[in-house]
Amino acid sequence: MLLKKGSKGAEVKEWQKVIGTAADGIFGANTEKLTIEWQKANNLTADGIVGPATWEAAGIDTDLSASTSVEED
């Protein structure tokens, strides 16, 4: 899942908890600023976009295919 300024929802709330800000589910200017700071502190590309490398550095598995597969009879 890719998050950036303007994104909204549960994934944004999850990310906001990682960066230590109020989890309102809206990726606004403050979330972007804190994301850039977090990325710099973790030696990542500091672009304010939460992509696969940022999620991985935070220790969060975003491979939804593994958790959403359903077997049919």
PDB file of N, CA and C in Angstrom:
ATOM      1  N   MET A   1       0.836  -1.176   0.000  1.00  0.00           N
ATOM      2  CA  MET A   1       0.000   0.000   0.000  1.00  0.00           C
ATOM      3  C   MET A   1       0.882   1.240   0.000  1.00  0.00           C
ATOM      4  N   LEU A   2       0.526   2.186  -0.808  1.00  0.00           N
ATOM      5  CA  LEU A   2       1.287   3.420  -0.961  1.00  0.00           C
ATOM      6  C   LEU A   2       0.492   4.553  -0.315  1.00  0.00           C
ATOM      7  N   LEU A   3       1.137   5.269   0.594  1.00  0.00           N
ATOM      8  CA  LEU A   3       0.486   6.390   1.258  1.00  0.00           C
ATOM      9  C   LEU A   3       1.246   7.666   0.951  1.00  0.00           C
ATOM     10  N   LYS A   4       0.506   8.737   0.731  1.00  0.00           N
ATOM     11  CA  LYS A   4       1.115  10.048   0.495  1.00  0.00           C
ATOM     12  C   LYS A   4       0.114  11.122   0.882  1.00  0.00           C
ATOM     13  N   LYS A   5       0.554  12.366   0.829  1.00  0.00           N
ATOM     14  CA  LYS A   5      -0.310  13.477   1.199  1.00  0.00           C
ATOM     15  C   LYS A   5      -1.628  13.370   0.428  1.00  0.00           C
ATOM     16  N   GLY A   6      -2.733  13.433   1.159  1.00  0.00           N
ATOM     17  CA  GLY A   6      -4.055  13.297   0.565  1.00  0.00           C
ATOM     18  C   GLY A   6      -4.678  11.929   0.790  1.00  0.00           C
ATOM     19  N   SER A   7      -3.842  10.934   1.179  1.00  0.00           N
ATOM     20  CA  SER A   7      -4.374   9.601   1.466  1.00  0.00           C
ATOM     21  C   SER A   7      -5.208   9.640   2.744  1.00  0.00           C
ATOM     22  N   LYS A   8      -6.194   8.740   2.817  1.00  0.00           N
ATOM     23  CA  LYS A   8      -7.056   8.659   3.996  1.00  0.00           C
ATOM     24  C   LYS A   8      -7.370   7.205   4.291  1.00  0.00           C
ATOM     25  N   GLY A   9      -7.663   6.904   5.567  1.00  0.00           N
ATOM     26  CA  GLY A   9      -8.136   5.579   5.910  1.00  0.00           C
ATOM     27  C   GLY A   9      -7.349   4.896   7.009  1.00  0.00           C
ATOM     28  N   ALA A  10      -7.670   3.620   7.202  1.00  0.00           N
ATOM     29  CA  ALA A  10      -7.087   2.812   8.278  1.00  0.00           C
ATOM     30  C   ALA A  10      -5.580   2.656   8.135  1.00  0.00           C
ATOM     31  N   GLU A  11      -5.089   2.531   6.903  1.00  0.00           N
ATOM     32  CA  GLU A  11      -3.656   2.382   6.694  1.00  0.00           C
ATOM     33  C   GLU A  11      -2.910   3.638   7.134  1.00  0.00           C
ATOM     34  N   VAL A  12      -3.516   4.797   6.890  1.00  0.00           N
ATOM     35  CA  VAL A  12      -2.911   6.056   7.326  1.00  0.00           C
ATOM     36  C   VAL A  12      -2.857   6.090   8.853  1.00  0.00           C
ATOM     37  N   LYS A  13      -3.930   5.658   9.505  1.00  0.00           N
ATOM     38  CA  LYS A  13      -3.940   5.610  10.974  1.00  0.00           C
ATOM     39  C   LYS A  13      -2.818   4.723  11.491  1.00  0.00           C
ATOM     40  N   GLU A  14      -2.645   3.568  10.854  1.00  0.00           N
ATOM     41  CA  GLU A  14      -1.583   2.650  11.259  1.00  0.00           C
ATOM     42  C   GLU A  14      -0.221   3.326  11.128  1.00  0.00           C
ATOM     43  N   TRP A  15      -0.006   4.020  10.020  1.00  0.00           N
ATOM     44  CA  TRP A  15       1.266   4.710   9.799  1.00  0.00           C
ATOM     45  C   TRP A  15       1.460   5.838  10.816  1.00  0.00           C
ATOM     46  N   GLN A  16       0.403   6.575  11.097  1.00  0.00           N
ATOM     47  CA  GLN A  16       0.500   7.679  12.051  1.00  0.00           C
ATOM     48  C   GLN A  16       0.910   7.181  13.436  1.00  0.00           C
ATOM     49  N   LYS A  17       0.489   5.997  13.809  1.00  0.00           N
ATOM     50  CA  LYS A  17       0.913   5.413  15.091  1.00  0.00           C
ATOM     51  C   LYS A  17       2.414   5.148  15.071  1.00  0.00           C
ATOM     52  N   VAL A  18       2.934   4.693  13.935  1.00  0.00           N
ATOM     53  CA  VAL A  18       4.369   4.417  13.804  1.00  0.00           C
ATOM     54  C   VAL A  18       5.176   5.693  14.017  1.00  0.00           C
ATOM     55  N   ILE A  19       4.729   6.793  13.429  1.00  0.00           N
ATOM     56  CA  ILE A  19       5.504   8.040  13.501  1.00  0.00           C
ATOM     57  C   ILE A  19       5.159   8.883  14.724  1.00  0.00           C
ATOM     58  N   GLY A  20       4.221   8.413  15.540  1.00  0.00           N
ATOM     59  CA  GLY A  20       3.939   9.066  16.804  1.00  0.00           C
ATOM     60  C   GLY A  20       3.125  10.339  16.732  1.00  0.00           C
ATOM     61  N   THR A  21       2.160  10.367  15.835  1.00  0.00           N
ATOM     62  CA  THR A  21       1.275  11.526  15.755  1.00  0.00           C
ATOM     63  C   THR A  21      -0.173  11.076  15.955  1.00  0.00           C
ATOM     64  N   ALA A  22      -1.052  12.040  16.142  1.00  0.00           N
ATOM     65  CA  ALA A  22      -2.469  11.708  16.324  1.00  0.00           C
ATOM     66  C   ALA A  22      -2.973  10.914  15.119  1.00  0.00           C
ATOM     67  N   ALA A  23      -3.576   9.774  15.396  1.00  0.00           N
ATOM     68  CA  ALA A  23      -4.039   8.883  14.332  1.00  0.00           C
ATOM     69  C   ALA A  23      -5.455   9.255  13.915  1.00  0.00           C
ATOM     70  N   ASP A  24      -5.545  10.249  13.017  1.00  0.00           N
ATOM     71  CA  ASP A  24      -6.860  10.686  12.541  1.00  0.00           C
ATOM     72  C   ASP A  24      -7.223  10.099  11.184  1.00  0.00           C
ATOM     73  N   GLY A  25      -6.275   9.384  10.560  1.00  0.00           N
ATOM     74  CA  GLY A  25      -6.541   8.742   9.281  1.00  0.00           C
ATOM     75  C   GLY A  25      -6.447   9.646   8.075  1.00  0.00           C
ATOM     76  N   ILE A  26      -5.916  10.853   8.269  1.00  0.00           N
ATOM     77  CA  ILE A  26      -5.761  11.802   7.167  1.00  0.00           C
ATOM     78  C   ILE A  26      -4.278  12.134   7.012  1.00  0.00           C
ATOM     79  N   PHE A  27      -3.724  11.844   5.853  1.00  0.00           N
ATOM     80  CA  PHE A  27      -2.311  12.091   5.579  1.00  0.00           C
ATOM     81  C   PHE A  27      -2.175  13.532   5.093  1.00  0.00           C
ATOM     82  N   GLY A  28      -1.997  14.430   6.048  1.00  0.00           N
ATOM     83  CA  GLY A  28      -1.871  15.854   5.741  1.00  0.00           C
ATOM     84  C   GLY A  28      -0.441  16.332   5.847  1.00  0.00           C
ATOM     85  N   ALA A  29      -0.281  17.646   5.967  1.00  0.00           N
ATOM     86  CA  ALA A  29       1.044  18.263   5.983  1.00  0.00           C
ATOM     87  C   ALA A  29       1.888  17.789   7.166  1.00  0.00           C
ATOM     88  N   ASN A  30       1.275  17.653   8.346  1.00  0.00           N
ATOM     89  CA  ASN A  30       2.041  17.224   9.516  1.00  0.00           C
ATOM     90  C   ASN A  30       2.496  15.777   9.369  1.00  0.00           C
ATOM     91  N   THR A  31       1.629  14.911   8.884  1.00  0.00           N
ATOM     92  CA  THR A  31       2.011  13.511   8.672  1.00  0.00           C
ATOM     93  C   THR A  31       3.124  13.423   7.640  1.00  0.00           C
ATOM     94  N   GLU A  32       3.031  14.234   6.599  1.00  0.00           N
ATOM     95  CA  GLU A  32       4.082  14.243   5.578  1.00  0.00           C
ATOM     96  C   GLU A  32       5.418  14.679   6.180  1.00  0.00           C
ATOM     97  N   LYS A  33       5.387  15.738   6.975  1.00  0.00           N
ATOM     98  CA  LYS A  33       6.610  16.254   7.612  1.00  0.00           C
ATOM     99  C   LYS A  33       7.229  15.202   8.521  1.00  0.00           C
ATOM    100  N   LEU A  34       6.410  14.583   9.363  1.00  0.00           N
ATOM    101  CA  LEU A  34       6.910  13.553  10.271  1.00  0.00           C
ATOM    102  C   LEU A  34       7.387  12.307   9.524  1.00  0.00           C
ATOM    103  N   THR A  35       6.749  11.997   8.414  1.00  0.00           N
ATOM    104  CA  THR A  35       7.181  10.865   7.584  1.00  0.00           C
ATOM    105  C   THR A  35       8.576  11.123   7.034  1.00  0.00           C
ATOM    106  N   ILE A  36       8.815  12.323   6.529  1.00  0.00           N
ATOM    107  CA  ILE A  36      10.130  12.684   5.994  1.00  0.00           C
ATOM    108  C   ILE A  36      11.189  12.584   7.098  1.00  0.00           C
ATOM    109  N   GLU A  37      10.874  13.099   8.280  1.00  0.00           N
ATOM    110  CA  GLU A  37      11.814  13.014   9.399  1.00  0.00           C
ATOM    111  C   GLU A  37      12.100  11.562   9.762  1.00  0.00           C
ATOM    112  N   TRP A  38      11.057  10.729   9.794  1.00  0.00           N
ATOM    113  CA  TRP A  38      11.210   9.314  10.123  1.00  0.00           C
ATOM    114  C   TRP A  38      12.060   8.619   9.063  1.00  0.00           C
ATOM    115  N   GLN A  39      11.802   8.926   7.799  1.00  0.00           N
ATOM    116  CA  GLN A  39      12.566   8.310   6.712  1.00  0.00           C
ATOM    117  C   GLN A  39      14.047   8.698   6.808  1.00  0.00           C
ATOM    118  N   LYS A  40      14.328   9.961   7.080  1.00  0.00           N
ATOM    119  CA  LYS A  40      15.724  10.403   7.233  1.00  0.00           C
ATOM    120  C   LYS A  40      16.402   9.662   8.376  1.00  0.00           C
ATOM    121  N   ALA A  41      15.702   9.549   9.511  1.00  0.00           N
ATOM    122  CA  ALA A  41      16.261   8.888  10.687  1.00  0.00           C
ATOM    123  C   ALA A  41      16.522   7.406  10.443  1.00  0.00           C
ATOM    124  N   ASN A  42      15.823   6.827   9.462  1.00  0.00           N
ATOM    125  CA  ASN A  42      15.967   5.407   9.153  1.00  0.00           C
ATOM    126  C   ASN A  42      16.717   5.158   7.849  1.00  0.00           C
ATOM    127  N   ASN A  43      17.466   6.177   7.399  1.00  0.00           N
ATOM    128  CA  ASN A  43      18.313   6.064   6.201  1.00  0.00           C
ATOM    129  C   ASN A  43      17.559   5.622   4.958  1.00  0.00           C
ATOM    130  N   LEU A  44      16.361   6.182   4.791  1.00  0.00           N
ATOM    131  CA  LEU A  44      15.548   5.898   3.607  1.00  0.00           C
ATOM    132  C   LEU A  44      15.476   7.142   2.736  1.00  0.00           C
ATOM    133  N   THR A  45      15.005   6.985   1.513  1.00  0.00           N
ATOM    134  CA  THR A  45      14.734   8.134   0.664  1.00  0.00           C
ATOM    135  C   THR A  45      13.642   8.949   1.342  1.00  0.00           C
ATOM    136  N   ALA A  46      13.970  10.196   1.684  1.00  0.00           N
ATOM    137  CA  ALA A  46      13.043  11.047   2.439  1.00  0.00           C
ATOM    138  C   ALA A  46      12.159  11.837   1.482  1.00  0.00           C
ATOM    139  N   ASP A  47      11.138  11.152   0.954  1.00  0.00           N
ATOM    140  CA  ASP A  47      10.243  11.774  -0.020  1.00  0.00           C
ATOM    141  C   ASP A  47       8.836  12.011   0.531  1.00  0.00           C
ATOM    142  N   GLY A  48       8.587  11.567   1.764  1.00  0.00           N
ATOM    143  CA  GLY A  48       7.270  11.755   2.359  1.00  0.00           C
ATOM    144  C   GLY A  48       6.225  10.781   1.866  1.00  0.00           C
ATOM    145  N   ILE A  49       6.651   9.807   1.074  1.00  0.00           N
ATOM    146  CA  ILE A  49       5.742   8.788   0.547  1.00  0.00           C
ATOM    147  C   ILE A  49       6.034   7.476   1.249  1.00  0.00           C
ATOM    148  N   VAL A  50       4.994   6.860   1.788  1.00  0.00           N
ATOM    149  CA  VAL A  50       5.149   5.592   2.496  1.00  0.00           C
ATOM    150  C   VAL A  50       4.914   4.464   1.500  1.00  0.00           C
ATOM    151  N   GLY A  51       6.018   3.912   1.014  1.00  0.00           N
ATOM    152  CA  GLY A  51       5.964   2.812   0.061  1.00  0.00           C
ATOM    153  C   GLY A  51       6.541   1.555   0.688  1.00  0.00           C
ATOM    154  N   PRO A  52       6.827   0.555  -0.129  1.00  0.00           N
ATOM    155  CA  PRO A  52       7.297  -0.738   0.387  1.00  0.00           C
ATOM    156  C   PRO A  52       8.535  -0.658   1.287  1.00  0.00           C
ATOM    157  N   ALA A  53       9.526   0.145   0.916  1.00  0.00           N
ATOM    158  CA  ALA A  53      10.752   0.224   1.728  1.00  0.00           C
ATOM    159  C   ALA A  53      10.477   0.851   3.093  1.00  0.00           C
ATOM    160  N   THR A  54       9.605   1.840   3.124  1.00  0.00           N
ATOM    161  CA  THR A  54       9.280   2.501   4.392  1.00  0.00           C
ATOM    162  C   THR A  54       8.491   1.563   5.288  1.00  0.00           C
ATOM    163  N   TRP A  55       7.495   0.873   4.731  1.00  0.00           N
ATOM    164  CA  TRP A  55       6.726  -0.097   5.523  1.00  0.00           C
ATOM    165  C   TRP A  55       7.662  -1.178   6.065  1.00  0.00           C
ATOM    166  N   GLU A  56       8.566  -1.673   5.216  1.00  0.00           N
ATOM    167  CA  GLU A  56       9.489  -2.730   5.637  1.00  0.00           C
ATOM    168  C   GLU A  56      10.386  -2.247   6.770  1.00  0.00           C
ATOM    169  N   ALA A  57      10.905  -1.022   6.653  1.00  0.00           N
ATOM    170  CA  ALA A  57      11.763  -0.469   7.701  1.00  0.00           C
ATOM    171  C   ALA A  57      11.007  -0.328   9.018  1.00  0.00           C
ATOM    172  N   ALA A  58       9.697  -0.119   8.934  1.00  0.00           N
ATOM    173  CA  ALA A  58       8.866   0.000  10.136  1.00  0.00           C
ATOM    174  C   ALA A  58       8.485  -1.368  10.693  1.00  0.00           C
ATOM    175  N   GLY A  59       8.838  -2.433   9.959  1.00  0.00           N
ATOM    176  CA  GLY A  59       8.530  -3.785  10.410  1.00  0.00           C
ATOM    177  C   GLY A  59       7.092  -4.198  10.180  1.00  0.00           C
ATOM    178  N   ILE A  60       6.455  -3.554   9.199  1.00  0.00           N
ATOM    179  CA  ILE A  60       5.049  -3.862   8.906  1.00  0.00           C
ATOM    180  C   ILE A  60       4.961  -4.571   7.562  1.00  0.00           C
ATOM    181  N   ASP A  61       4.370  -5.765   7.578  1.00  0.00           N
ATOM    182  CA  ASP A  61       4.213  -6.568   6.365  1.00  0.00           C
ATOM    183  C   ASP A  61       3.003  -6.059   5.584  1.00  0.00           C
ATOM    184  N   THR A  62       3.230  -5.642   4.367  1.00  0.00           N
ATOM    185  CA  THR A  62       2.132  -5.138   3.544  1.00  0.00           C
ATOM    186  C   THR A  62       1.764  -6.098   2.428  1.00  0.00           C
ATOM    187  N   ASP A  63       2.258  -7.330   2.489  1.00  0.00           N
ATOM    188  CA  ASP A  63       1.915  -8.328   1.475  1.00  0.00           C
ATOM    189  C   ASP A  63       0.521  -8.866   1.762  1.00  0.00           C
ATOM    190  N   LEU A  64      -0.479  -8.167   1.238  1.00  0.00           N
ATOM    191  CA  LEU A  64      -1.862  -8.529   1.518  1.00  0.00           C
ATOM    192  C   LEU A  64      -2.273  -9.846   0.879  1.00  0.00           C
ATOM    193  N   SER A  65      -1.566 -10.254  -0.157  1.00  0.00           N
ATOM    194  CA  SER A  65      -1.952 -11.485  -0.838  1.00  0.00           C
ATOM    195  C   SER A  65      -1.820 -12.684   0.093  1.00  0.00           C
ATOM    196  N   ALA A  66      -0.856 -12.655   0.994  1.00  0.00           N
ATOM    197  CA  ALA A  66      -0.659 -13.780   1.908  1.00  0.00           C
ATOM    198  C   ALA A  66      -1.770 -13.857   2.947  1.00  0.00           C
ATOM    199  N   SER A  67      -2.320 -12.709   3.325  1.00  0.00           N
ATOM    200  CA  SER A  67      -3.309 -12.721   4.388  1.00  0.00           C
ATOM    201  C   SER A  67      -4.749 -12.710   3.887  1.00  0.00           C
ATOM    202  N   THR A  68      -4.947 -12.548   2.584  1.00  0.00           N
ATOM    203  CA  THR A  68      -6.304 -12.466   2.076  1.00  0.00           C
ATOM    204  C   THR A  68      -6.677 -13.629   1.172  1.00  0.00           C
ATOM    205  N   SER A  69      -5.782 -14.576   1.018  1.00  0.00           N
ATOM    206  CA  SER A  69      -6.119 -15.703   0.155  1.00  0.00           C
ATOM    207  C   SER A  69      -7.201 -16.560   0.821  1.00  0.00           C
ATOM    208  N   VAL A  70      -8.127 -17.029   0.011  1.00  0.00           N
ATOM    209  CA  VAL A  70      -9.241 -17.827   0.519  1.00  0.00           C
ATOM    210  C   VAL A  70      -9.303 -19.106  -0.308  1.00  0.00           C
ATOM    211  N   GLU A  71      -9.345 -20.219   0.397  1.00  0.00           N
ATOM    212  CA  GLU A  71      -9.481 -21.498  -0.298  1.00  0.00           C
ATOM    213  C   GLU A  71     -10.931 -21.824  -0.510  1.00  0.00           C
ATOM    214  N   GLU A  72     -11.236 -22.297  -1.696  1.00  0.00           N
ATOM    215  CA  GLU A  72     -12.608 -22.712  -1.977  1.00  0.00           C
ATOM    216  C   GLU A  72     -12.707 -24.211  -1.946  1.00  0.00           C
ATOM    217  N   ASP A  73     -13.880 -24.703  -1.560  1.00  0.00           N
ATOM    218  CA  ASP A  73     -14.095 -26.176  -1.521  1.00  0.00           C
ATOM    219  C   ASP A  73     -14.273 -26.736  -2.896  1.00  0.00           C
TER     220      ASP A  73
END
